[in-house]
C-alpha atoms as a PDB file:
ATOM      1  CA  MET A   1      85.503  62.440 141.121  1.00  0.00           C
ATOM      2  CA  LEU A   2      84.381  63.059 137.516  1.00  0.00           C
ATOM      3  CA  VAL A   3      83.608  66.582 136.441  1.00  0.00           C
ATOM      4  CA  PHE A   4      81.443  67.375 133.384  1.00  0.00           C
ATOM      5  CA  ASP A   5      81.318  70.776 131.749  1.00  0.00           C
ATOM      6  CA  ALA A   6      78.194  72.862 130.879  1.00  0.00           C
ATOM      7  CA  SER A   7      77.922  70.924 127.587  1.00  0.00           C
ATOM      8  CA  MET A   8      77.753  67.722 129.647  1.00  0.00           C
ATOM      9  CA  ARG A   9      81.093  66.337 128.349  1.00  0.00           C
ATOM     10  CA  LEU A  10      83.794  64.962 130.606  1.00  0.00           C
ATOM     11  CA  LYS A  11      86.025  67.876 131.637  1.00  0.00           C
ATOM     12  CA  GLY A  12      88.267  66.219 134.137  1.00  0.00           C
ATOM     13  CA  ILE A  13      89.016  63.492 136.588  1.00  0.00           C
ATOM     14  CA  HIS A  14      89.954  64.846 139.980  1.00  0.00           C
ATOM     15  CA  PRO A  15      91.122  63.646 143.367  1.00  0.00           C
ATOM     16  CA  PRO A  16      88.935  63.186 146.396  1.00  0.00           C
ATOM     17  CA  LEU A  17      85.878  65.331 147.129  1.00  0.00           C
ATOM     18  CA  LYS A  18      87.523  67.870 149.426  1.00  0.00           C
ATOM     19  CA  ASP A  19      90.261  68.552 146.909  1.00  0.00           C
ATOM     20  CA  THR A  20      87.734  68.881 144.071  1.00  0.00           C
ATOM     21  CA  ALA A  21      85.711  71.329 146.145  1.00  0.00           C
ATOM     22  CA  ARG A  22      88.793  73.432 146.823  1.00  0.00           C
ATOM     23  CA  LEU A  23      89.759  73.370 143.145  1.00  0.00           C
ATOM     24  CA  TYR A  24      86.361  74.657 141.972  1.00  0.00           C
ATOM     25  CA  ASN A  25      85.782  76.873 144.999  1.00  0.00           C
ATOM     26  CA  LEU A  26      82.615  75.015 146.002  1.00  0.00           C
ATOM     27  CA  ARG A  27      81.573  73.355 149.299  1.00  0.00           C
ATOM     28  CA  ALA A  28      82.219  69.645 149.492  1.00  0.00           C
ATOM     29  CA  GLU A  29      78.677  69.192 150.779  1.00  0.00           C
ATOM     30  CA  ALA A  30      77.294  70.995 147.709  1.00  0.00           C
ATOM     31  CA  ILE A  31      79.284  68.755 145.357  1.00  0.00           C
ATOM     32  CA  ASN A  32      78.146  65.657 147.247  1.00  0.00           C
ATOM     33  CA  LYS A  33      74.505  66.751 146.924  1.00  0.00           C
ATOM     34  CA  LEU A  34      74.938  67.464 143.198  1.00  0.00           C
ATOM     35  CA  CYS A  35      76.310  63.936 142.784  1.00  0.00           C
ATOM     36  CA  LYS A  36      73.241  62.475 144.523  1.00  0.00           C
ATOM     37  CA  ILE A  37      70.565  64.562 142.730  1.00  0.00           C
ATOM     38  CA  LYS A  38      72.410  64.383 139.361  1.00  0.00           C
ATOM     39  CA  ARG A  39      71.918  68.012 138.492  1.00  0.00           C
ATOM     40  CA  PRO A  40      74.471  70.586 137.385  1.00  0.00           C
ATOM     41  CA  SER A  41      75.596  73.367 139.726  1.00  0.00           C
ATOM     42  CA  GLN A  42      73.633  76.535 139.209  1.00  0.00           C
ATOM     43  CA  GLU A  43      76.748  78.549 140.065  1.00  0.00           C
ATOM     44  CA  THR A  44      79.209  76.876 137.647  1.00  0.00           C
ATOM     45  CA  GLY A  45      77.160  74.768 135.233  1.00  0.00           C
ATOM     46  CA  LEU A  46      79.385  71.811 136.101  1.00  0.00           C
ATOM     47  CA  SER A  47      78.072  68.370 136.894  1.00  0.00           C
ATOM     48  CA  PHE A  48      79.846  66.062 139.312  1.00  0.00           C
ATOM     49  CA  ARG A  49      79.785  62.318 139.680  1.00  0.00           C
ATOM     50  CA  TYR A  50      81.619  59.879 141.871  1.00  0.00           C
ATOM     51  CA  TRP A  51      83.859  57.586 139.800  1.00  0.00           C
ATOM     52  CA  TRP A  52      82.823  53.966 140.150  1.00  0.00           C
ATOM     53  CA  LYS A  53      86.026  52.126 139.169  1.00  0.00           C
ATOM     54  CA  VAL A  54      84.166  48.899 138.507  1.00  0.00           C
ATOM     55  CA  LEU A  55      82.382  50.367 135.524  1.00  0.00           C
ATOM     56  CA  ASP A  56      83.623  49.319 132.115  1.00  0.00           C
ATOM     57  CA  PHE A  57      84.516  52.517 130.264  1.00  0.00           C
ATOM     58  CA  ASP A  58      87.673  54.206 129.009  1.00  0.00           C
ATOM     59  CA  ILE A  59      88.646  56.830 131.595  1.00  0.00           C
ATOM     60  CA  THR A  60      90.550  58.735 128.926  1.00  0.00           C
ATOM     61  CA  ASP A  61      87.395  59.097 126.765  1.00  0.00           C
ATOM     62  CA  PHE A  62      86.693  62.796 126.983  1.00  0.00           C
ATOM     63  CA  GLU A  63      83.753  62.291 124.630  1.00  0.00           C
ATOM     64  CA  LEU A  64      81.988  60.608 127.567  1.00  0.00           C
ATOM     65  CA  THR A  65      78.823  62.485 128.463  1.00  0.00           C
ATOM     66  CA  VAL A  66      77.168  62.741 131.836  1.00  0.00           C
ATOM     67  CA  SER A  67      74.029  60.969 130.541  1.00  0.00           C
ATOM     68  CA  ARG A  68      76.124  58.029 129.220  1.00  0.00           C
ATOM     69  CA  TYR A  69      77.930  57.772 132.502  1.00  0.00           C
ATOM     70  CA  ASP A  70      74.602  57.760 134.358  1.00  0.00           C
ATOM     71  CA  GLU A  71      73.364  54.919 132.084  1.00  0.00           C
ATOM     72  CA  LEU A  72      76.481  52.944 132.991  1.00  0.00           C
ATOM     73  CA  CYS A  73      75.755  53.460 136.666  1.00  0.00           C
ATOM     74  CA  LYS A  74      72.235  51.998 136.608  1.00  0.00           C
ATOM     75  CA  ARG A  75      71.759  48.849 138.608  1.00  0.00           C
ATOM     76  CA  LYS A  76      71.029  45.774 136.599  1.00  0.00           C
ATOM     77  CA  PRO A  77      67.893  43.705 137.395  1.00  0.00           C
ATOM     78  CA  ALA A  78      70.023  40.921 138.788  1.00  0.00           C
ATOM     79  CA  ASP A  79      71.596  43.304 141.304  1.00  0.00           C
ATOM     80  CA  ALA A  80      68.167  44.243 142.658  1.00  0.00           C
ATOM     81  CA  VAL A  81      67.392  40.626 143.354  1.00  0.00           C
ATOM     82  CA  LEU A  82      70.593  40.227 145.326  1.00  0.00           C
ATOM     83  CA  ASP A  83      69.690  43.191 147.525  1.00  0.00           C
ATOM     84  CA  ASN A  84      66.533  41.535 148.913  1.00  0.00           C
END
């Protein structure tokens, strides 16, 4: 689980969803929904994303922004053809 701060910069890399929820005192279901809708939490200002290990980026790059990570997650046109 990737956590981005209110300035949309990578804040931390955390263990599974339930542990992340406990750490930030949020419900796991709420974090899961925030990952899907790609919006920050209104309570904390934090943004959450699932970490897709197949993406090519430096996990120690704490200059990574949430928008850049979202760009990396976009499906490529070739992937859409394979889904049909």
